[in-house]
C-alpha atoms as a PDB file:
ATOM      1  CA  UNK A   1      -0.490   0.744  21.991  1.00  0.00           C
ATOM      2  CA  UNK A   2      -0.683  -2.412  19.908  1.00  0.00           C
ATOM      3  CA  UNK A   3      -0.030  -2.549  16.183  1.00  0.00           C
ATOM      4  CA  UNK A   4      -3.391  -4.246  15.592  1.00  0.00           C
ATOM      5  CA  UNK A   5      -5.168  -1.328  17.274  1.00  0.00           C
ATOM      6  CA  UNK A   6      -3.441   1.098  14.921  1.00  0.00           C
ATOM      7  CA  UNK A   7      -4.157  -1.116  11.895  1.00  0.00           C
ATOM      8  CA  UNK A   8      -7.834  -1.330  12.750  1.00  0.00           C
ATOM      9  CA  UNK A   9      -8.238   2.416  13.307  1.00  0.00           C
ATOM     10  CA  UNK A  10      -6.205   3.305  10.185  1.00  0.00           C
ATOM     11  CA  UNK A  11      -8.169   0.895   7.998  1.00  0.00           C
ATOM     12  CA  UNK A  12     -11.461   2.271   9.238  1.00  0.00           C
ATOM     13  CA  UNK A  13     -10.348   5.872   8.663  1.00  0.00           C
ATOM     14  CA  UNK A  14      -9.098   5.137   5.135  1.00  0.00           C
ATOM     15  CA  UNK A  15     -12.242   3.208   4.185  1.00  0.00           C
ATOM     16  CA  UNK A  16     -14.536   5.918   5.567  1.00  0.00           C
ATOM     17  CA  UNK A  17     -12.645   8.938   4.272  1.00  0.00           C
ATOM     18  CA  UNK A  18     -10.154   8.250   1.489  1.00  0.00           C
ATOM     19  CA  UNK A  19     -11.340   5.500  -0.884  1.00  0.00           C
ATOM     20  CA  UNK A  20     -14.429   5.023  -2.975  1.00  0.00           C
ATOM     21  CA  UNK A  21     -17.467   3.473  -1.360  1.00  0.00           C
ATOM     22  CA  UNK A  22     -17.402  -0.308  -1.411  1.00  0.00           C
ATOM     23  CA  UNK A  23     -13.610  -0.554  -1.474  1.00  0.00           C
ATOM     24  CA  UNK A  24     -12.284  -2.764   1.267  1.00  0.00           C
ATOM     25  CA  UNK A  25      -8.646  -2.918   2.290  1.00  0.00           C
ATOM     26  CA  UNK A  26      -6.448  -5.362   4.121  1.00  0.00           C
ATOM     27  CA  UNK A  27      -3.464  -4.439   6.276  1.00  0.00           C
ATOM     28  CA  UNK A  28      -1.061  -5.214   3.428  1.00  0.00           C
ATOM     29  CA  UNK A  29      -3.040  -3.587   0.611  1.00  0.00           C
ATOM     30  CA  UNK A  30      -0.846  -1.253  -1.468  1.00  0.00           C
ATOM     31  CA  UNK A  31      -2.330   2.152  -0.724  1.00  0.00           C
ATOM     32  CA  UNK A  32      -0.814   3.668  -3.866  1.00  0.00           C
ATOM     33  CA  UNK A  33      -2.614   1.061  -5.983  1.00  0.00           C
ATOM     34  CA  UNK A  34      -5.872   2.323  -4.431  1.00  0.00           C
ATOM     35  CA  UNK A  35      -5.117   5.812  -5.715  1.00  0.00           C
ATOM     36  CA  UNK A  36      -4.017   7.334  -2.436  1.00  0.00           C
ATOM     37  CA  UNK A  37      -1.510  10.139  -2.973  1.00  0.00           C
ATOM     38  CA  UNK A  38       0.519  12.605  -0.924  1.00  0.00           C
ATOM     39  CA  UNK A  39      -2.645  14.536   0.028  1.00  0.00           C
ATOM     40  CA  UNK A  40      -4.135  11.310   1.378  1.00  0.00           C
ATOM     41  CA  UNK A  41      -0.924  10.695   3.341  1.00  0.00           C
ATOM     42  CA  UNK A  42      -1.315  14.114   4.974  1.00  0.00           C
ATOM     43  CA  UNK A  43      -4.842  13.165   6.002  1.00  0.00           C
ATOM     44  CA  UNK A  44      -3.548   9.891   7.486  1.00  0.00           C
ATOM     45  CA  UNK A  45      -0.750  11.664   9.394  1.00  0.00           C
ATOM     46  CA  UNK A  46      -3.227  14.209  10.774  1.00  0.00           C
ATOM     47  CA  UNK A  47      -5.543  11.353  11.797  1.00  0.00           C
ATOM     48  CA  UNK A  48      -2.676   9.725  13.757  1.00  0.00           C
ATOM     49  CA  UNK A  49      -1.941  13.036  15.461  1.00  0.00           C
ATOM     50  CA  UNK A  50      -5.578  13.687  16.412  1.00  0.00           C
ATOM     51  CA  UNK A  51      -6.578  10.179  17.428  1.00  0.00           C
ATOM     52  CA  UNK A  52      -3.359   8.820  18.989  1.00  0.00           C
ATOM     53  CA  UNK A  53      -1.197  11.893  19.617  1.00  0.00           C
ATOM     54  CA  UNK A  54       1.477  10.408  17.333  1.00  0.00           C
ATOM     55  CA  UNK A  55       3.466  13.011  15.446  1.00  0.00           C
ATOM     56  CA  UNK A  56       5.632  11.197  12.920  1.00  0.00           C
ATOM     57  CA  UNK A  57       8.699  13.159  11.834  1.00  0.00           C
ATOM     58  CA  UNK A  58       9.051  13.918   8.138  1.00  0.00           C
ATOM     59  CA  UNK A  59      12.073  11.631   7.764  1.00  0.00           C
ATOM     60  CA  UNK A  60       9.868   8.609   8.586  1.00  0.00           C
ATOM     61  CA  UNK A  61       7.370   9.437   5.831  1.00  0.00           C
ATOM     62  CA  UNK A  62       9.123   7.374   3.170  1.00  0.00           C
ATOM     63  CA  UNK A  63       7.539   4.808   0.867  1.00  0.00           C
ATOM     64  CA  UNK A  64       8.512   1.733   2.903  1.00  0.00           C
ATOM     65  CA  UNK A  65       6.824   3.235   5.970  1.00  0.00           C
ATOM     66  CA  UNK A  66       3.623   4.472   4.316  1.00  0.00           C
ATOM     67  CA  UNK A  67       2.871   1.965   1.547  1.00  0.00           C
ATOM     68  CA  UNK A  68       0.245   0.023   3.483  1.00  0.00           C
ATOM     69  CA  UNK A  69      -1.823   0.170   6.635  1.00  0.00           C
ATOM     70  CA  UNK A  70       0.502  -2.388   8.230  1.00  0.00           C
ATOM     71  CA  UNK A  71       3.591  -0.347   7.343  1.00  0.00           C
ATOM     72  CA  UNK A  72       2.093   2.859   8.756  1.00  0.00           C
ATOM     73  CA  UNK A  73       0.973   1.086  11.927  1.00  0.00           C
ATOM     74  CA  UNK A  74       4.371  -0.556  12.463  1.00  0.00           C
ATOM     75  CA  UNK A  75       6.230   2.696  11.799  1.00  0.00           C
ATOM     76  CA  UNK A  76       3.954   4.549  14.243  1.00  0.00           C
ATOM     77  CA  UNK A  77       4.246   1.838  16.881  1.00  0.00           C
ATOM     78  CA  UNK A  78       8.040   1.654  16.570  1.00  0.00           C
ATOM     79  CA  UNK A  79       8.343   5.449  16.721  1.00  0.00           C
ATOM     80  CA  UNK A  80       6.284   5.677  19.911  1.00  0.00           C
ATOM     81  CA  UNK A  81       8.153   2.833  21.614  1.00  0.00           C
ATOM     82  CA  UNK A  82      11.617   4.002  20.582  1.00  0.00           C
ATOM     83  CA  UNK A  83      11.340   7.671  21.596  1.00  0.00           C
END
């Protein structure tokens, strides 16, 4: 699975489900600055599990891995390819 595929799917999910209507995000947008919190992170993790069968371990859910769509996609990609 390519990082760009994950970025695209994550961005779409976040725009459709977690931010106010009309808010657009880029891969490097700071998700915390958009008001996403730990509950939003749970939704994102569940989305990854349902859509891509990626179950990120808790120890990977740190700020540098979940601060942006790009960071989440890279973390997910690296986890899958380094199992």
